[in-house]
């Protein structure tokens, strides 16, 4: 019975840790883009929508925001 309960709860905990790690890596990438991108004129603002995109997608979310920024400029 205890093993069944542990098996049921380990999957959501793994997903939660993966989401947290993905979010941390995404925000670290955002900071790097804003620091080094300022030298060439490419920055991404920090607002609620961008935070949600990066929080859900992580590093690919930063890439998506950069792509959207590039599409809006051209």
PDB file of N, CA and C in Angstrom:
ATOM      1  N   UNK A   1       0.821  -1.192   0.000  1.00  0.00           N
ATOM      2  CA  UNK A   1       0.000   0.000   0.000  1.00  0.00           C
ATOM      3  C   UNK A   1       0.870   1.262   0.000  1.00  0.00           C
ATOM      4  N   UNK A   2       1.920   1.240   0.797  1.00  0.00           N
ATOM      5  CA  UNK A   2       2.821   2.385   0.870  1.00  0.00           C
ATOM      6  C   UNK A   2       3.533   2.602  -0.459  1.00  0.00           C
ATOM      7  N   UNK A   3       3.922   1.529  -1.109  1.00  0.00           N
ATOM      8  CA  UNK A   3       4.578   1.657  -2.411  1.00  0.00           C
ATOM      9  C   UNK A   3       3.636   2.243  -3.454  1.00  0.00           C
ATOM     10  N   UNK A   4       2.389   1.888  -3.402  1.00  0.00           N
ATOM     11  CA  UNK A   4       1.403   2.441  -4.328  1.00  0.00           C
ATOM     12  C   UNK A   4       1.240   3.947  -4.122  1.00  0.00           C
ATOM     13  N   UNK A   5       1.163   4.366  -2.878  1.00  0.00           N
ATOM     14  CA  UNK A   5       1.037   5.793  -2.572  1.00  0.00           C
ATOM     15  C   UNK A   5       2.285   6.543  -3.035  1.00  0.00           C
ATOM     16  N   UNK A   6       3.453   5.994  -2.791  1.00  0.00           N
ATOM     17  CA  UNK A   6       4.694   6.628  -3.238  1.00  0.00           C
ATOM     18  C   UNK A   6       4.755   6.726  -4.756  1.00  0.00           C
ATOM     19  N   UNK A   7       4.320   5.693  -5.432  1.00  0.00           N
ATOM     20  CA  UNK A   7       4.331   5.696  -6.891  1.00  0.00           C
ATOM     21  C   UNK A   7       3.359   6.736  -7.451  1.00  0.00           C
ATOM     22  N   UNK A   8       2.236   6.916  -6.792  1.00  0.00           N
ATOM     23  CA  UNK A   8       1.248   7.898  -7.244  1.00  0.00           C
ATOM     24  C   UNK A   8       1.776   9.312  -7.085  1.00  0.00           C
ATOM     25  N   UNK A   9       2.487   9.587  -6.003  1.00  0.00           N
ATOM     26  CA  UNK A   9       2.932  10.948  -5.726  1.00  0.00           C
ATOM     27  C   UNK A   9       4.287  11.295  -6.333  1.00  0.00           C
ATOM     28  N   UNK A  10       5.064  10.330  -6.769  1.00  0.00           N
ATOM     29  CA  UNK A  10       6.371  10.666  -7.330  1.00  0.00           C
ATOM     30  C   UNK A  10       6.264  11.292  -8.712  1.00  0.00           C
ATOM     31  N   UNK A  11       5.289  10.905  -9.507  1.00  0.00           N
ATOM     32  CA  UNK A  11       5.147  11.477 -10.853  1.00  0.00           C
ATOM     33  C   UNK A  11       4.838  12.969 -10.810  1.00  0.00           C
ATOM     34  N   UNK A  12       3.871  13.433 -10.003  1.00  0.00           N
ATOM     35  CA  UNK A  12       3.634  14.879  -9.952  1.00  0.00           C
ATOM     36  C   UNK A  12       4.817  15.659  -9.378  1.00  0.00           C
ATOM     37  N   UNK A  13       5.536  15.064  -8.432  1.00  0.00           N
ATOM     38  CA  UNK A  13       6.700  15.748  -7.863  1.00  0.00           C
ATOM     39  C   UNK A  13       7.793  15.887  -8.907  1.00  0.00           C
ATOM     40  N   UNK A  14       8.018  14.864  -9.720  1.00  0.00           N
ATOM     41  CA  UNK A  14       9.006  14.953 -10.795  1.00  0.00           C
ATOM     42  C   UNK A  14       8.623  16.029 -11.798  1.00  0.00           C
ATOM     43  N   UNK A  15       7.350  16.107 -12.148  1.00  0.00           N
ATOM     44  CA  UNK A  15       6.882  17.134 -13.085  1.00  0.00           C
ATOM     45  C   UNK A  15       7.064  18.523 -12.485  1.00  0.00           C
ATOM     46  N   UNK A  16       6.778  18.676 -11.195  1.00  0.00           N
ATOM     47  CA  UNK A  16       6.939  19.957 -10.525  1.00  0.00           C
ATOM     48  C   UNK A  16       8.399  20.386 -10.510  1.00  0.00           C
ATOM     49  N   UNK A  17       9.305  19.478 -10.183  1.00  0.00           N
ATOM     50  CA  UNK A  17      10.727  19.809 -10.184  1.00  0.00           C
ATOM     51  C   UNK A  17      11.220  20.154 -11.584  1.00  0.00           C
ATOM     52  N   UNK A  18      10.728  19.454 -12.583  1.00  0.00           N
ATOM     53  CA  UNK A  18      11.110  19.747 -13.959  1.00  0.00           C
ATOM     54  C   UNK A  18      10.627  21.132 -14.370  1.00  0.00           C
ATOM     55  N   UNK A  19       9.410  21.493 -13.981  1.00  0.00           N
ATOM     56  CA  UNK A  19       8.868  22.817 -14.280  1.00  0.00           C
ATOM     57  C   UNK A  19       9.668  23.908 -13.578  1.00  0.00           C
ATOM     58  N   UNK A  20      10.032  23.674 -12.333  1.00  0.00           N
ATOM     59  CA  UNK A  20      10.824  24.657 -11.588  1.00  0.00           C
ATOM     60  C   UNK A  20      12.200  24.819 -12.215  1.00  0.00           C
ATOM     61  N   UNK A  21      12.848  23.721 -12.576  1.00  0.00           N
ATOM     62  CA  UNK A  21      14.162  23.795 -13.209  1.00  0.00           C
ATOM     63  C   UNK A  21      14.075  24.502 -14.557  1.00  0.00           C
ATOM     64  N   UNK A  22      13.056  24.200 -15.332  1.00  0.00           N
ATOM     65  CA  UNK A  22      12.852  24.833 -16.632  1.00  0.00           C
ATOM     66  C   UNK A  22      12.645  26.340 -16.472  1.00  0.00           C
ATOM     67  N   UNK A  23      11.896  26.732 -15.461  1.00  0.00           N
ATOM     68  CA  UNK A  23      11.653  28.148 -15.194  1.00  0.00           C
ATOM     69  C   UNK A  23      12.933  28.859 -14.792  1.00  0.00           C
ATOM     70  N   UNK A  24      13.711  28.252 -13.923  1.00  0.00           N
ATOM     71  CA  UNK A  24      14.968  28.865 -13.479  1.00  0.00           C
ATOM     72  C   UNK A  24      15.924  29.030 -14.647  1.00  0.00           C
ATOM     73  N   UNK A  25      16.056  28.009 -15.472  1.00  0.00           N
ATOM     74  CA  UNK A  25      16.939  28.111 -16.635  1.00  0.00           C
ATOM     75  C   UNK A  25      16.445  29.168 -17.622  1.00  0.00           C
ATOM     76  N   UNK A  26      15.133  29.271 -17.782  1.00  0.00           N
ATOM     77  CA  UNK A  26      14.576  30.273 -18.686  1.00  0.00           C
ATOM     78  C   UNK A  26      14.848  31.684 -18.208  1.00  0.00           C
ATOM     79  N   UNK A  27      14.675  31.938 -16.921  1.00  0.00           N
ATOM     80  CA  UNK A  27      14.937  33.271 -16.407  1.00  0.00           C
ATOM     81  C   UNK A  27      16.426  33.597 -16.419  1.00  0.00           C
ATOM     82  N   UNK A  28      17.274  32.592 -16.213  1.00  0.00           N
ATOM     83  CA  UNK A  28      18.716  32.807 -16.335  1.00  0.00           C
ATOM     84  C   UNK A  28      19.074  33.184 -17.773  1.00  0.00           C
ATOM     85  N   UNK A  29      18.451  32.514 -18.730  1.00  0.00           N
ATOM     86  CA  UNK A  29      18.681  32.856 -20.142  1.00  0.00           C
ATOM     87  C   UNK A  29      18.176  34.262 -20.445  1.00  0.00           C
ATOM     88  N   UNK A  30      17.053  34.651 -19.856  1.00  0.00           N
ATOM     89  CA  UNK A  30      16.523  36.005 -20.056  1.00  0.00           C
ATOM     90  C   UNK A  30      17.487  37.050 -19.512  1.00  0.00           C
ATOM     91  N   UNK A  31      18.048  36.789 -18.358  1.00  0.00           N
ATOM     92  CA  UNK A  31      19.021  37.724 -17.787  1.00  0.00           C
ATOM     93  C   UNK A  31      20.242  37.832 -18.692  1.00  0.00           C
ATOM     94  N   UNK A  32      20.732  36.707 -19.192  1.00  0.00           N
ATOM     95  CA  UNK A  32      21.894  36.738 -20.087  1.00  0.00           C
ATOM     96  C   UNK A  32      21.583  37.491 -21.372  1.00  0.00           C
ATOM     97  N   UNK A  33      20.396  37.285 -21.917  1.00  0.00           N
ATOM     98  CA  UNK A  33      19.997  37.998 -23.138  1.00  0.00           C
ATOM     99  C   UNK A  33      19.939  39.495 -22.875  1.00  0.00           C
ATOM    100  N   UNK A  34      19.391  39.893 -21.737  1.00  0.00           N
ATOM    101  CA  UNK A  34      19.267  41.318 -21.445  1.00  0.00           C
ATOM    102  C   UNK A  34      20.618  41.966 -21.157  1.00  0.00           C
ATOM    103  N   UNK A  35      21.527  41.238 -20.521  1.00  0.00           N
ATOM    104  CA  UNK A  35      22.838  41.810 -20.213  1.00  0.00           C
ATOM    105  C   UNK A  35      23.690  41.915 -21.469  1.00  0.00           C
ATOM    106  N   UNK A  36      23.825  40.809 -22.185  1.00  0.00           N
ATOM    107  CA  UNK A  36      24.696  40.814 -23.360  1.00  0.00           C
ATOM    108  C   UNK A  36      23.992  41.354 -24.596  1.00  0.00           C
ATOM    109  N   UNK A  37      22.692  41.240 -24.649  1.00  0.00           N
ATOM    110  CA  UNK A  37      21.941  41.765 -25.777  1.00  0.00           C
ATOM    111  C   UNK A  37      21.869  43.273 -25.784  1.00  0.00           C
ATOM    112  N   UNK A  38      22.033  43.887 -24.617  1.00  0.00           N
ATOM    113  CA  UNK A  38      22.014  45.348 -24.548  1.00  0.00           C
ATOM    114  C   UNK A  38      23.173  45.939 -25.334  1.00  0.00           C
ATOM    115  N   UNK A  39      24.241  45.190 -25.469  1.00  0.00           N
ATOM    116  CA  UNK A  39      25.400  45.668 -26.228  1.00  0.00           C
ATOM    117  C   UNK A  39      25.095  45.780 -27.717  1.00  0.00           C
ATOM    118  N   UNK A  40      24.200  44.921 -28.205  1.00  0.00           N
ATOM    119  CA  UNK A  40      23.869  44.959 -29.634  1.00  0.00           C
ATOM    120  C   UNK A  40      22.459  45.471 -29.887  1.00  0.00           C
ATOM    121  N   UNK A  41      21.754  45.838 -28.829  1.00  0.00           N
ATOM    122  CA  UNK A  41      20.432  46.422 -28.987  1.00  0.00           C
ATOM    123  C   UNK A  41      19.278  45.443 -28.981  1.00  0.00           C
ATOM    124  N   UNK A  42      19.487  44.252 -28.466  1.00  0.00           N
ATOM    125  CA  UNK A  42      18.420  43.246 -28.396  1.00  0.00           C
ATOM    126  C   UNK A  42      18.129  42.970 -26.931  1.00  0.00           C
ATOM    127  N   UNK A  43      16.976  43.399 -26.480  1.00  0.00           N
ATOM    128  CA  UNK A  43      16.567  43.124 -25.102  1.00  0.00           C
ATOM    129  C   UNK A  43      15.118  42.645 -25.099  1.00  0.00           C
ATOM    130  N   UNK A  44      14.772  41.945 -24.053  1.00  0.00           N
ATOM    131  CA  UNK A  44      13.400  41.476 -23.860  1.00  0.00           C
ATOM    132  C   UNK A  44      12.927  42.057 -22.537  1.00  0.00           C
ATOM    133  N   UNK A  45      11.823  42.760 -22.566  1.00  0.00           N
ATOM    134  CA  UNK A  45      11.285  43.336 -21.344  1.00  0.00           C
ATOM    135  C   UNK A  45      10.759  42.265 -20.411  1.00  0.00           C
ATOM    136  N   UNK A  46      10.794  42.577 -19.125  1.00  0.00           N
ATOM    137  CA  UNK A  46      10.259  41.654 -18.134  1.00  0.00           C
ATOM    138  C   UNK A  46       8.876  42.167 -17.736  1.00  0.00           C
ATOM    139  N   UNK A  47       7.857  41.440 -18.165  1.00  0.00           N
ATOM    140  CA  UNK A  47       6.487  41.768 -17.796  1.00  0.00           C
ATOM    141  C   UNK A  47       5.725  40.467 -17.537  1.00  0.00           C
ATOM    142  N   UNK A  48       4.459  40.574 -17.235  1.00  0.00           N
ATOM    143  CA  UNK A  48       3.683  39.403 -16.846  1.00  0.00           C
ATOM    144  C   UNK A  48       3.582  38.370 -17.965  1.00  0.00           C
ATOM    145  N   UNK A  49       3.341  38.816 -19.183  1.00  0.00           N
ATOM    146  CA  UNK A  49       3.190  37.888 -20.306  1.00  0.00           C
ATOM    147  C   UNK A  49       4.510  37.168 -20.575  1.00  0.00           C
ATOM    148  N   UNK A  50       5.601  37.921 -20.622  1.00  0.00           N
ATOM    149  CA  UNK A  50       6.904  37.299 -20.859  1.00  0.00           C
ATOM    150  C   UNK A  50       7.267  36.341 -19.726  1.00  0.00           C
ATOM    151  N   UNK A  51       6.950  36.705 -18.497  1.00  0.00           N
ATOM    152  CA  UNK A  51       7.227  35.830 -17.359  1.00  0.00           C
ATOM    153  C   UNK A  51       6.432  34.529 -17.458  1.00  0.00           C
ATOM    154  N   UNK A  52       5.187  34.612 -17.900  1.00  0.00           N
ATOM    155  CA  UNK A  52       4.389  33.398 -18.052  1.00  0.00           C
ATOM    156  C   UNK A  52       4.922  32.508 -19.170  1.00  0.00           C
ATOM    157  N   UNK A  53       5.331  33.121 -20.284  1.00  0.00           N
ATOM    158  CA  UNK A  53       5.881  32.336 -21.400  1.00  0.00           C
ATOM    159  C   UNK A  53       7.157  31.642 -20.962  1.00  0.00           C
ATOM    160  N   UNK A  54       8.044  32.373 -20.303  1.00  0.00           N
ATOM    161  CA  UNK A  54       9.308  31.784 -19.865  1.00  0.00           C
ATOM    162  C   UNK A  54       9.078  30.776 -18.751  1.00  0.00           C
ATOM    163  N   UNK A  55       8.125  31.060 -17.876  1.00  0.00           N
ATOM    164  CA  UNK A  55       7.824  30.120 -16.796  1.00  0.00           C
ATOM    165  C   UNK A  55       7.296  28.797 -17.304  1.00  0.00           C
ATOM    166  N   UNK A  56       6.507  28.822 -18.351  1.00  0.00           N
ATOM    167  CA  UNK A  56       5.944  27.582 -18.904  1.00  0.00           C
ATOM    168  C   UNK A  56       6.903  26.868 -19.841  1.00  0.00           C
ATOM    169  N   UNK A  57       7.587  27.622 -20.696  1.00  0.00           N
ATOM    170  CA  UNK A  57       8.414  27.001 -21.730  1.00  0.00           C
ATOM    171  C   UNK A  57       9.898  26.948 -21.401  1.00  0.00           C
ATOM    172  N   UNK A  58      10.356  27.808 -20.511  1.00  0.00           N
ATOM    173  CA  UNK A  58      11.773  27.818 -20.156  1.00  0.00           C
ATOM    174  C   UNK A  58      12.614  28.451 -21.240  1.00  0.00           C
ATOM    175  N   UNK A  59      13.743  27.834 -21.551  1.00  0.00           N
ATOM    176  CA  UNK A  59      14.672  28.364 -22.551  1.00  0.00           C
ATOM    177  C   UNK A  59      14.032  28.463 -23.939  1.00  0.00           C
ATOM    178  N   UNK A  60      13.245  27.488 -24.384  1.00  0.00           N
ATOM    179  CA  UNK A  60      12.558  27.682 -25.666  1.00  0.00           C
ATOM    180  C   UNK A  60      11.611  28.883 -25.658  1.00  0.00           C
ATOM    181  N   UNK A  61      11.085  29.237 -24.497  1.00  0.00           N
ATOM    182  CA  UNK A  61      10.254  30.420 -24.377  1.00  0.00           C
ATOM    183  C   UNK A  61      11.044  31.692 -24.635  1.00  0.00           C
ATOM    184  N   UNK A  62      12.295  31.712 -24.189  1.00  0.00           N
ATOM    185  CA  UNK A  62      13.167  32.856 -24.466  1.00  0.00           C
ATOM    186  C   UNK A  62      13.420  32.939 -25.966  1.00  0.00           C
ATOM    187  N   UNK A  63      13.651  31.803 -26.587  1.00  0.00           N
ATOM    188  CA  UNK A  63      13.829  31.780 -28.043  1.00  0.00           C
ATOM    189  C   UNK A  63      12.582  32.261 -28.767  1.00  0.00           C
ATOM    190  N   UNK A  64      11.420  31.870 -28.284  1.00  0.00           N
ATOM    191  CA  UNK A  64      10.161  32.320 -28.872  1.00  0.00           C
ATOM    192  C   UNK A  64      10.009  33.832 -28.741  1.00  0.00           C
ATOM    193  N   UNK A  65      10.327  34.364 -27.579  1.00  0.00           N
ATOM    194  CA  UNK A  65      10.227  35.807 -27.376  1.00  0.00           C
ATOM    195  C   UNK A  65      11.217  36.558 -28.254  1.00  0.00           C
ATOM    196  N   UNK A  66      12.420  36.011 -28.426  1.00  0.00           N
ATOM    197  CA  UNK A  66      13.394  36.634 -29.323  1.00  0.00           C
ATOM    198  C   UNK A  66      12.898  36.608 -30.761  1.00  0.00           C
ATOM    199  N   UNK A  67      12.302  35.502 -31.161  1.00  0.00           N
ATOM    200  CA  UNK A  67      11.745  35.405 -32.519  1.00  0.00           C
ATOM    201  C   UNK A  67      10.616  36.407 -32.723  1.00  0.00           C
ATOM    202  N   UNK A  68       9.741  36.528 -31.748  1.00  0.00           N
ATOM    203  CA  UNK A  68       8.650  37.496 -31.849  1.00  0.00           C
ATOM    204  C   UNK A  68       9.189  38.920 -31.882  1.00  0.00           C
ATOM    205  N   UNK A  69      10.213  39.172 -31.091  1.00  0.00           N
ATOM    206  CA  UNK A  69      10.845  40.507 -31.097  1.00  0.00           C
ATOM    207  C   UNK A  69      11.434  40.805 -32.475  1.00  0.00           C
ATOM    208  N   UNK A  70      12.093  39.806 -33.073  1.00  0.00           N
ATOM    209  CA  UNK A  70      12.705  39.977 -34.388  1.00  0.00           C
ATOM    210  C   UNK A  70      11.622  40.206 -35.465  1.00  0.00           C
ATOM    211  N   UNK A  71      10.516  39.475 -35.364  1.00  0.00           N
ATOM    212  CA  UNK A  71       9.433  39.634 -36.325  1.00  0.00           C
ATOM    213  C   UNK A  71       8.761  41.008 -36.202  1.00  0.00           C
ATOM    214  N   UNK A  72       8.697  41.539 -35.006  1.00  0.00           N
ATOM    215  CA  UNK A  72       8.076  42.841 -34.813  1.00  0.00           C
ATOM    216  C   UNK A  72       8.963  43.971 -35.318  1.00  0.00           C
ATOM    217  N   UNK A  73      10.275  43.775 -35.270  1.00  0.00           N
ATOM    218  CA  UNK A  73      11.205  44.809 -35.725  1.00  0.00           C
ATOM    219  C   UNK A  73      11.249  44.853 -37.252  1.00  0.00           C
ATOM    220  N   UNK A  74      11.236  43.683 -37.889  1.00  0.00           N
ATOM    221  CA  UNK A  74      11.359  43.662 -39.356  1.00  0.00           C
ATOM    222  C   UNK A  74      10.026  43.819 -40.022  1.00  0.00           C
TER     223      UNK A  74
END
